[in-house]
Every structure is written in C-alpha cells, then in structure tokens.
Amino acid sequence: MARLKGERTYVPESPCARGHSLRTVGAGTCIACRNQTETNRVAAFRTEYNARKTRERVQHRPELALKAKTTRANETPELRAIRLETAKIKQREWRTANPRHVGTTASKRKYKLANPEKVRADCIYRRVSKMHRTPAWLTPDDHWLIEQAYEIAAVRTKMFGFSWHVDHVIPMQRKLVTGVHVATNLQVIPGIDNIRKANRFIPA
C-alpha cells in the first residue's frame, strides 16, 4: 500500500528485533537500525572519515571562498552586523557547552598569557562596577540572599553537568538603563542563555 501511494516509509505489522517500527519501502530495512549502524561505523573510523571529508572540502575550497567573498561584498551593513553577531553567539555557545575541550582550554590559556594586563583590567573593572552598583543600605539578610544565588548556581552546575550563571535581569553596564547588585535583580539561568543575553535588557 505504501509503495502504491508513493510513500518512502511505512509502519510494519511487527517491529524489528530492537523494537523499532519504521522501515523503508524500497529495501524494507529498519530506519533507526540503519542510522545506528552508520553512526557506529563513522565512530569506529572517525579519523579516516574526517580525513576523507577534509580532502573533499579542499577540492571545493577555492569555489567556496569565491562564493563567500562575493556574498560578503554585496551584503548591507545591517546584514554584516547580524552575521558577525550570530557568529559570536555560536562561538560563545560552543565554548560554554565545551568548557573542557582541548582547543577551548588552550585558547583561554594562550589569551591569558598573551594579555595578562587585559585580563587583570577586566576583572578589576567588573569588581569595581559591581561594588559601585551595590547599595549601601543592604542589610545582612540582603547580602545572604545574594550569596545564596551564587550557591544555587554552583549546585545546579554540579547537578545538571553544565554551567549555570547568576545573571543581572537589568544589566549593570548599559547606557540607557542600569541595574543594581541586589537579590531582586538576580536570576540563576543556564550559562548559554546568559551568554546569548549578553548585556541586553529583555523586558518581561
């Protein structure tokens, strides 16, 4: 029936040995089992697979470079800004999702060794900015609530296996609107969401 209707897949009366229930019309093979077999094959020969893909990309590299150059030459300033911002966001998301990757660790270490004054200046600027945006009228209970936010972030990081950050709902460093370092302006969110939010204020 599925072949007559022109469909490429069908659901058999009984599943396969692994319990999957979707097969191809042509060969009658289980789609999930076929995909898993291909995944296992690629994982077993990852080095050879990557080398082959690299050779294939090298052949088309001049063509792709010319296409990218032409596209970027004709793009508007608005599209260029969007492209660069999107690339930065993807890069930050990847680094956040792979904090222990060899390339990420090496890149961070290389930057810190090459720019110790910038790293020190950024840390001091962040500390001073937070100090200036912390009201003097905070009570010990208020300071305890702030500490609890950072403790919750640390607990969630250990519990879920990925980074959680303490984010300021209203950023402390903006030209039009600035927030303060108080418990009511803090939220504990995944690190990827915090990096994606950056220094923007997103009203509820």
C-alpha atoms as a PDB file:
ATOM      1  CA  MET A   1       0.000   0.000   0.000  1.00  0.00           C
ATOM      2  CA  ALA A   2       2.758   2.442   0.884  1.00  0.00           C
ATOM      3  CA  ARG A   3       4.531   1.710  -2.430  1.00  0.00           C
ATOM      4  CA  LEU A   4       1.330   2.369  -4.372  1.00  0.00           C
ATOM      5  CA  LYS A   5       0.789   5.650  -2.557  1.00  0.00           C
ATOM      6  CA  GLY A   6       4.309   6.780  -3.423  1.00  0.00           C
ATOM      7  CA  GLU A   7       5.464   6.874   0.185  1.00  0.00           C
ATOM      8  CA  ARG A   8       9.070   6.190   1.146  1.00  0.00           C
ATOM      9  CA  THR A   9       8.441   4.727   4.606  1.00  0.00           C
ATOM     10  CA  TYR A  10       5.837   2.522   6.229  1.00  0.00           C
ATOM     11  CA  VAL A  11       4.979   1.008   9.606  1.00  0.00           C
ATOM     12  CA  PRO A  12       5.072  -2.821   9.554  1.00  0.00           C
ATOM     13  CA  GLU A  13       2.732  -5.080  11.475  1.00  0.00           C
ATOM     14  CA  SER A  14       5.519  -6.106  13.866  1.00  0.00           C
ATOM     15  CA  PRO A  15       8.579  -4.080  14.919  1.00  0.00           C
ATOM     16  CA  CYS A  16      12.163  -5.122  14.318  1.00  0.00           C
ATOM     17  CA  ALA A  17      14.254  -7.085  16.815  1.00  0.00           C
ATOM     18  CA  ARG A  18      15.211  -3.842  18.565  1.00  0.00           C
ATOM     19  CA  GLY A  19      11.626  -2.601  18.791  1.00  0.00           C
ATOM     20  CA  HIS A  20      11.689  -0.005  16.008  1.00  0.00           C
ATOM     21  CA  SER A  21       8.597   0.378  13.861  1.00  0.00           C
ATOM     22  CA  LEU A  22       9.540   2.485  10.819  1.00  0.00           C
ATOM     23  CA  ARG A  23      11.009   0.935   7.657  1.00  0.00           C
ATOM     24  CA  THR A  24      11.894   1.981   4.127  1.00  0.00           C
ATOM     25  CA  VAL A  25       9.582   0.943   1.291  1.00  0.00           C
ATOM     26  CA  GLY A  26      12.352   0.015  -1.145  1.00  0.00           C
ATOM     27  CA  ALA A  27      14.513  -2.411   0.864  1.00  0.00           C
ATOM     28  CA  GLY A  28      12.299  -2.879   3.893  1.00  0.00           C
ATOM     29  CA  THR A  29      15.175  -2.039   6.250  1.00  0.00           C
ATOM     30  CA  CYS A  30      14.615  -0.518   9.676  1.00  0.00           C
ATOM     31  CA  ILE A  31      15.478   3.197   9.509  1.00  0.00           C
ATOM     32  CA  ALA A  32      16.548   3.513  13.149  1.00  0.00           C
ATOM     33  CA  CYS A  33      18.793   0.427  12.950  1.00  0.00           C
ATOM     34  CA  ARG A  34      20.333   1.651   9.693  1.00  0.00           C
ATOM     35  CA  ASN A  35      21.068   5.071  11.187  1.00  0.00           C
ATOM     36  CA  GLN A  36      22.579   3.493  14.303  1.00  0.00           C
ATOM     37  CA  THR A  37      24.760   1.201  12.187  1.00  0.00           C
ATOM     38  CA  GLU A  38      26.006   4.166  10.171  1.00  0.00           C
ATOM     39  CA  THR A  39      26.693   6.113  13.371  1.00  0.00           C
ATOM     40  CA  ASN A  40      28.698   3.217  14.792  1.00  0.00           C
ATOM     41  CA  ARG A  41      30.629   2.830  11.538  1.00  0.00           C
ATOM     42  CA  VAL A  42      31.519   6.527  11.436  1.00  0.00           C
ATOM     43  CA  ALA A  43      32.534   6.495  15.100  1.00  0.00           C
ATOM     44  CA  ALA A  44      34.765   3.469  14.528  1.00  0.00           C
ATOM     45  CA  PHE A  45      36.503   5.099  11.588  1.00  0.00           C
ATOM     46  CA  ARG A  46      36.325   8.713  12.733  1.00  0.00           C
ATOM     47  CA  THR A  47      39.921   9.530  11.775  1.00  0.00           C
ATOM     48  CA  GLU A  48      39.577   8.130   8.275  1.00  0.00           C
ATOM     49  CA  TYR A  49      36.162   9.742   7.887  1.00  0.00           C
ATOM     50  CA  ASN A  50      37.472  13.186   8.911  1.00  0.00           C
ATOM     51  CA  ALA A  51      40.465  12.843   6.587  1.00  0.00           C
ATOM     52  CA  ARG A  52      38.207  11.976   3.646  1.00  0.00           C
ATOM     53  CA  LYS A  53      35.874  14.888   4.380  1.00  0.00           C
ATOM     54  CA  THR A  54      38.875  17.209   4.591  1.00  0.00           C
ATOM     55  CA  ARG A  55      40.106  16.071   1.180  1.00  0.00           C
ATOM     56  CA  GLU A  56      36.645  16.645  -0.280  1.00  0.00           C
ATOM     57  CA  ARG A  57      36.458  20.148   1.188  1.00  0.00           C
ATOM     58  CA  VAL A  58      39.934  21.031  -0.105  1.00  0.00           C
ATOM     59  CA  GLN A  59      38.766  20.422  -3.670  1.00  0.00           C
ATOM     60  CA  HIS A  60      35.906  22.903  -3.303  1.00  0.00           C
ATOM     61  CA  ARG A  61      37.739  25.415  -1.117  1.00  0.00           C
ATOM     62  CA  PRO A  62      38.524  27.980  -3.884  1.00  0.00           C
ATOM     63  CA  GLU A  63      34.932  27.835  -5.108  1.00  0.00           C
ATOM     64  CA  LEU A  64      33.520  28.293  -1.602  1.00  0.00           C
ATOM     65  CA  ALA A  65      35.959  31.118  -0.843  1.00  0.00           C
ATOM     66  CA  LEU A  66      34.942  32.998  -4.013  1.00  0.00           C
ATOM     67  CA  LYS A  67      31.257  32.494  -3.213  1.00  0.00           C
ATOM     68  CA  ALA A  68      31.705  33.778   0.354  1.00  0.00           C
ATOM     69  CA  LYS A  69      33.737  36.764  -0.874  1.00  0.00           C
ATOM     70  CA  THR A  70      31.065  37.703  -3.415  1.00  0.00           C
ATOM     71  CA  THR A  71      28.268  37.342  -0.880  1.00  0.00           C
ATOM     72  CA  ARG A  72      30.035  39.469   1.733  1.00  0.00           C
ATOM     73  CA  ALA A  73      30.910  42.142  -0.830  1.00  0.00           C
ATOM     74  CA  ASN A  74      27.233  42.621  -1.667  1.00  0.00           C
ATOM     75  CA  GLU A  75      25.791  42.437   1.861  1.00  0.00           C
ATOM     76  CA  THR A  76      24.490  45.523   3.615  1.00  0.00           C
ATOM     77  CA  PRO A  77      25.999  46.876   6.859  1.00  0.00           C
ATOM     78  CA  GLU A  78      22.924  45.602   8.722  1.00  0.00           C
ATOM     79  CA  LEU A  79      23.332  42.049   7.395  1.00  0.00           C
ATOM     80  CA  ARG A  80      27.063  42.134   8.143  1.00  0.00           C
ATOM     81  CA  ALA A  81      26.393  43.172  11.747  1.00  0.00           C
ATOM     82  CA  ILE A  82      23.828  40.381  12.112  1.00  0.00           C
ATOM     83  CA  ARG A  83      26.238  37.818  10.622  1.00  0.00           C
ATOM     84  CA  LEU A  84      29.086  38.804  12.928  1.00  0.00           C
ATOM     85  CA  GLU A  85      26.823  38.855  15.996  1.00  0.00           C
ATOM     86  CA  THR A  86      25.414  35.432  15.099  1.00  0.00           C
ATOM     87  CA  ALA A  87      28.925  34.037  14.689  1.00  0.00           C
ATOM     88  CA  LYS A  88      29.954  35.423  18.085  1.00  0.00           C
ATOM     89  CA  ILE A  89      26.905  33.919  19.763  1.00  0.00           C
ATOM     90  CA  LYS A  90      27.534  30.498  18.216  1.00  0.00           C
ATOM     91  CA  GLN A  91      31.175  30.652  19.259  1.00  0.00           C
ATOM     92  CA  ARG A  92      30.273  31.552  22.836  1.00  0.00           C
ATOM     93  CA  GLU A  93      27.617  28.844  22.981  1.00  0.00           C
ATOM     94  CA  TRP A  94      30.094  26.236  21.745  1.00  0.00           C
ATOM     95  CA  ARG A  95      32.737  27.304  24.268  1.00  0.00           C
ATOM     96  CA  THR A  96      30.156  27.203  27.063  1.00  0.00           C
ATOM     97  CA  ALA A  97      28.967  23.748  26.000  1.00  0.00           C
ATOM     98  CA  ASN A  98      32.571  22.502  25.694  1.00  0.00           C
ATOM     99  CA  PRO A  99      34.436  24.140  28.603  1.00  0.00           C
ATOM    100  CA  ARG A 100      36.917  21.260  28.922  1.00  0.00           C
ATOM    101  CA  HIS A 101      37.645  20.909  25.225  1.00  0.00           C
ATOM    102  CA  VAL A 102      41.366  20.900  24.446  1.00  0.00           C
ATOM    103  CA  GLY A 103      41.001  23.772  21.974  1.00  0.00           C
ATOM    104  CA  THR A 104      38.921  25.880  24.372  1.00  0.00           C
ATOM    105  CA  THR A 105      41.321  25.357  27.272  1.00  0.00           C
ATOM    106  CA  ALA A 106      44.370  26.066  25.133  1.00  0.00           C
ATOM    107  CA  SER A 107      42.786  29.171  23.625  1.00  0.00           C
ATOM    108  CA  LYS A 108      41.905  30.606  27.042  1.00  0.00           C
ATOM    109  CA  ARG A 109      45.358  29.854  28.424  1.00  0.00           C
ATOM    110  CA  LYS A 110      47.038  31.390  25.375  1.00  0.00           C
ATOM    111  CA  TYR A 111      44.946  34.562  25.618  1.00  0.00           C
ATOM    112  CA  LYS A 112      45.619  34.973  29.347  1.00  0.00           C
ATOM    113  CA  LEU A 113      49.352  34.520  28.873  1.00  0.00           C
ATOM    114  CA  ALA A 114      49.456  36.958  25.961  1.00  0.00           C
ATOM    115  CA  ASN A 115      47.172  39.572  27.571  1.00  0.00           C
ATOM    116  CA  PRO A 116      47.677  39.490  31.360  1.00  0.00           C
ATOM    117  CA  GLU A 117      47.016  43.219  31.683  1.00  0.00           C
ATOM    118  CA  LYS A 118      43.679  42.949  29.848  1.00  0.00           C
ATOM    119  CA  VAL A 119      42.550  40.008  31.969  1.00  0.00           C
ATOM    120  CA  ARG A 120      43.524  41.852  35.151  1.00  0.00           C
ATOM    121  CA  ALA A 121      41.834  45.068  33.979  1.00  0.00           C
ATOM    122  CA  ASP A 122      38.609  43.223  33.100  1.00  0.00           C
ATOM    123  CA  CYS A 123      38.490  41.521  36.497  1.00  0.00           C
ATOM    124  CA  ILE A 124      39.126  44.782  38.340  1.00  0.00           C
ATOM    125  CA  TYR A 125      36.584  46.668  36.220  1.00  0.00           C
ATOM    126  CA  ARG A 126      33.939  44.022  36.861  1.00  0.00           C
ATOM    127  CA  ARG A 127      34.665  44.008  40.601  1.00  0.00           C
ATOM    128  CA  VAL A 128      34.608  47.793  40.904  1.00  0.00           C
ATOM    129  CA  SER A 129      31.468  48.084  38.787  1.00  0.00           C
ATOM    130  CA  LYS A 130      29.661  45.561  40.957  1.00  0.00           C
ATOM    131  CA  MET A 131      30.876  47.365  44.072  1.00  0.00           C
ATOM    132  CA  HIS A 132      29.575  50.718  42.827  1.00  0.00           C
ATOM    133  CA  ARG A 133      26.221  49.189  41.889  1.00  0.00           C
ATOM    134  CA  THR A 134      25.770  47.570  45.325  1.00  0.00           C
ATOM    135  CA  PRO A 135      23.606  49.866  47.502  1.00  0.00           C
ATOM    136  CA  ALA A 136      24.922  50.843  50.917  1.00  0.00           C
ATOM    137  CA  TRP A 137      21.530  50.240  52.511  1.00  0.00           C
ATOM    138  CA  LEU A 138      21.647  46.460  52.016  1.00  0.00           C
ATOM    139  CA  THR A 139      21.122  44.505  55.219  1.00  0.00           C
ATOM    140  CA  PRO A 140      22.976  41.307  56.207  1.00  0.00           C
ATOM    141  CA  ASP A 141      19.928  39.361  55.034  1.00  0.00           C
ATOM    142  CA  ASP A 142      20.185  41.010  51.610  1.00  0.00           C
ATOM    143  CA  HIS A 143      23.853  40.027  51.322  1.00  0.00           C
ATOM    144  CA  TRP A 144      22.922  36.483  52.371  1.00  0.00           C
ATOM    145  CA  LEU A 145      20.310  36.284  49.591  1.00  0.00           C
ATOM    146  CA  ILE A 146      22.924  37.395  47.049  1.00  0.00           C
ATOM    147  CA  GLU A 147      25.315  34.711  48.282  1.00  0.00           C
ATOM    148  CA  GLN A 148      22.519  32.145  48.012  1.00  0.00           C
ATOM    149  CA  ALA A 149      22.055  32.965  44.311  1.00  0.00           C
ATOM    150  CA  TYR A 150      25.705  32.120  43.596  1.00  0.00           C
ATOM    151  CA  GLU A 151      25.468  28.982  45.738  1.00  0.00           C
ATOM    152  CA  ILE A 152      22.390  27.849  43.791  1.00  0.00           C
ATOM    153  CA  ALA A 153      24.263  28.398  40.520  1.00  0.00           C
ATOM    154  CA  ALA A 154      27.155  26.247  41.770  1.00  0.00           C
ATOM    155  CA  VAL A 155      24.791  23.475  42.936  1.00  0.00           C
ATOM    156  CA  ARG A 156      22.905  23.434  39.620  1.00  0.00           C
ATOM    157  CA  THR A 157      26.185  23.279  37.690  1.00  0.00           C
ATOM    158  CA  LYS A 158      27.188  20.136  39.603  1.00  0.00           C
ATOM    159  CA  MET A 159      23.683  18.663  39.404  1.00  0.00           C
ATOM    160  CA  PHE A 160      22.995  19.157  35.676  1.00  0.00           C
ATOM    161  CA  GLY A 161      26.549  18.870  34.361  1.00  0.00           C
ATOM    162  CA  PHE A 162      26.628  22.199  32.520  1.00  0.00           C
ATOM    163  CA  SER A 163      27.378  25.761  33.581  1.00  0.00           C
ATOM    164  CA  TRP A 164      24.780  27.950  35.338  1.00  0.00           C
ATOM    165  CA  HIS A 165      25.339  31.690  35.796  1.00  0.00           C
ATOM    166  CA  VAL A 166      23.998  34.391  38.094  1.00  0.00           C
ATOM    167  CA  ASP A 167      22.595  36.987  35.707  1.00  0.00           C
ATOM    168  CA  HIS A 168      21.502  40.556  36.367  1.00  0.00           C
ATOM    169  CA  VAL A 169      17.982  40.958  34.986  1.00  0.00           C
ATOM    170  CA  ILE A 170      18.699  44.644  34.396  1.00  0.00           C
ATOM    171  CA  PRO A 171      22.378  44.811  33.320  1.00  0.00           C
ATOM    172  CA  MET A 172      24.755  46.888  35.401  1.00  0.00           C
ATOM    173  CA  GLN A 173      26.603  48.246  32.361  1.00  0.00           C
ATOM    174  CA  ARG A 174      24.252  49.882  29.883  1.00  0.00           C
ATOM    175  CA  LYS A 175      23.888  53.419  28.616  1.00  0.00           C
ATOM    176  CA  LEU A 176      20.097  53.750  28.739  1.00  0.00           C
ATOM    177  CA  VAL A 177      19.243  51.621  31.774  1.00  0.00           C
ATOM    178  CA  THR A 178      21.416  50.212  34.554  1.00  0.00           C
ATOM    179  CA  GLY A 179      20.530  47.815  37.318  1.00  0.00           C
ATOM    180  CA  VAL A 180      21.873  47.352  40.832  1.00  0.00           C
ATOM    181  CA  HIS A 181      23.538  44.390  42.505  1.00  0.00           C
ATOM    182  CA  VAL A 182      20.650  43.287  44.717  1.00  0.00           C
ATOM    183  CA  ALA A 183      18.919  39.954  45.183  1.00  0.00           C
ATOM    184  CA  THR A 184      15.738  41.067  43.395  1.00  0.00           C
ATOM    185  CA  ASN A 185      17.778  41.854  40.272  1.00  0.00           C
ATOM    186  CA  LEU A 186      19.450  38.430  40.133  1.00  0.00           C
ATOM    187  CA  GLN A 187      18.371  35.266  38.388  1.00  0.00           C
ATOM    188  CA  VAL A 188      20.085  31.902  38.030  1.00  0.00           C
ATOM    189  CA  ILE A 189      19.996  30.796  34.389  1.00  0.00           C
ATOM    190  CA  PRO A 190      21.979  28.409  32.152  1.00  0.00           C
ATOM    191  CA  GLY A 191      25.309  29.809  31.062  1.00  0.00           C
ATOM    192  CA  ILE A 192      24.389  29.574  27.368  1.00  0.00           C
ATOM    193  CA  ASP A 193      21.292  31.731  27.926  1.00  0.00           C
ATOM    194  CA  ASN A 194      23.341  34.267  29.876  1.00  0.00           C
ATOM    195  CA  ILE A 195      25.930  34.496  27.098  1.00  0.00           C
ATOM    196  CA  ARG A 196      23.194  34.801  24.480  1.00  0.00           C
ATOM    197  CA  LYS A 197      21.531  37.574  26.500  1.00  0.00           C
ATOM    198  CA  ALA A 198      24.908  39.361  26.829  1.00  0.00           C
ATOM    199  CA  ASN A 199      24.452  42.948  28.013  1.00  0.00           C
ATOM    200  CA  ARG A 200      20.909  43.392  26.721  1.00  0.00           C
ATOM    201  CA  PHE A 201      17.862  44.201  28.820  1.00  0.00           C
ATOM    202  CA  ILE A 202      14.949  41.949  27.892  1.00  0.00           C
ATOM    203  CA  PRO A 203      11.689  43.249  29.491  1.00  0.00           C
ATOM    204  CA  ALA A 204       9.285  40.611  30.766  1.00  0.00           C
END
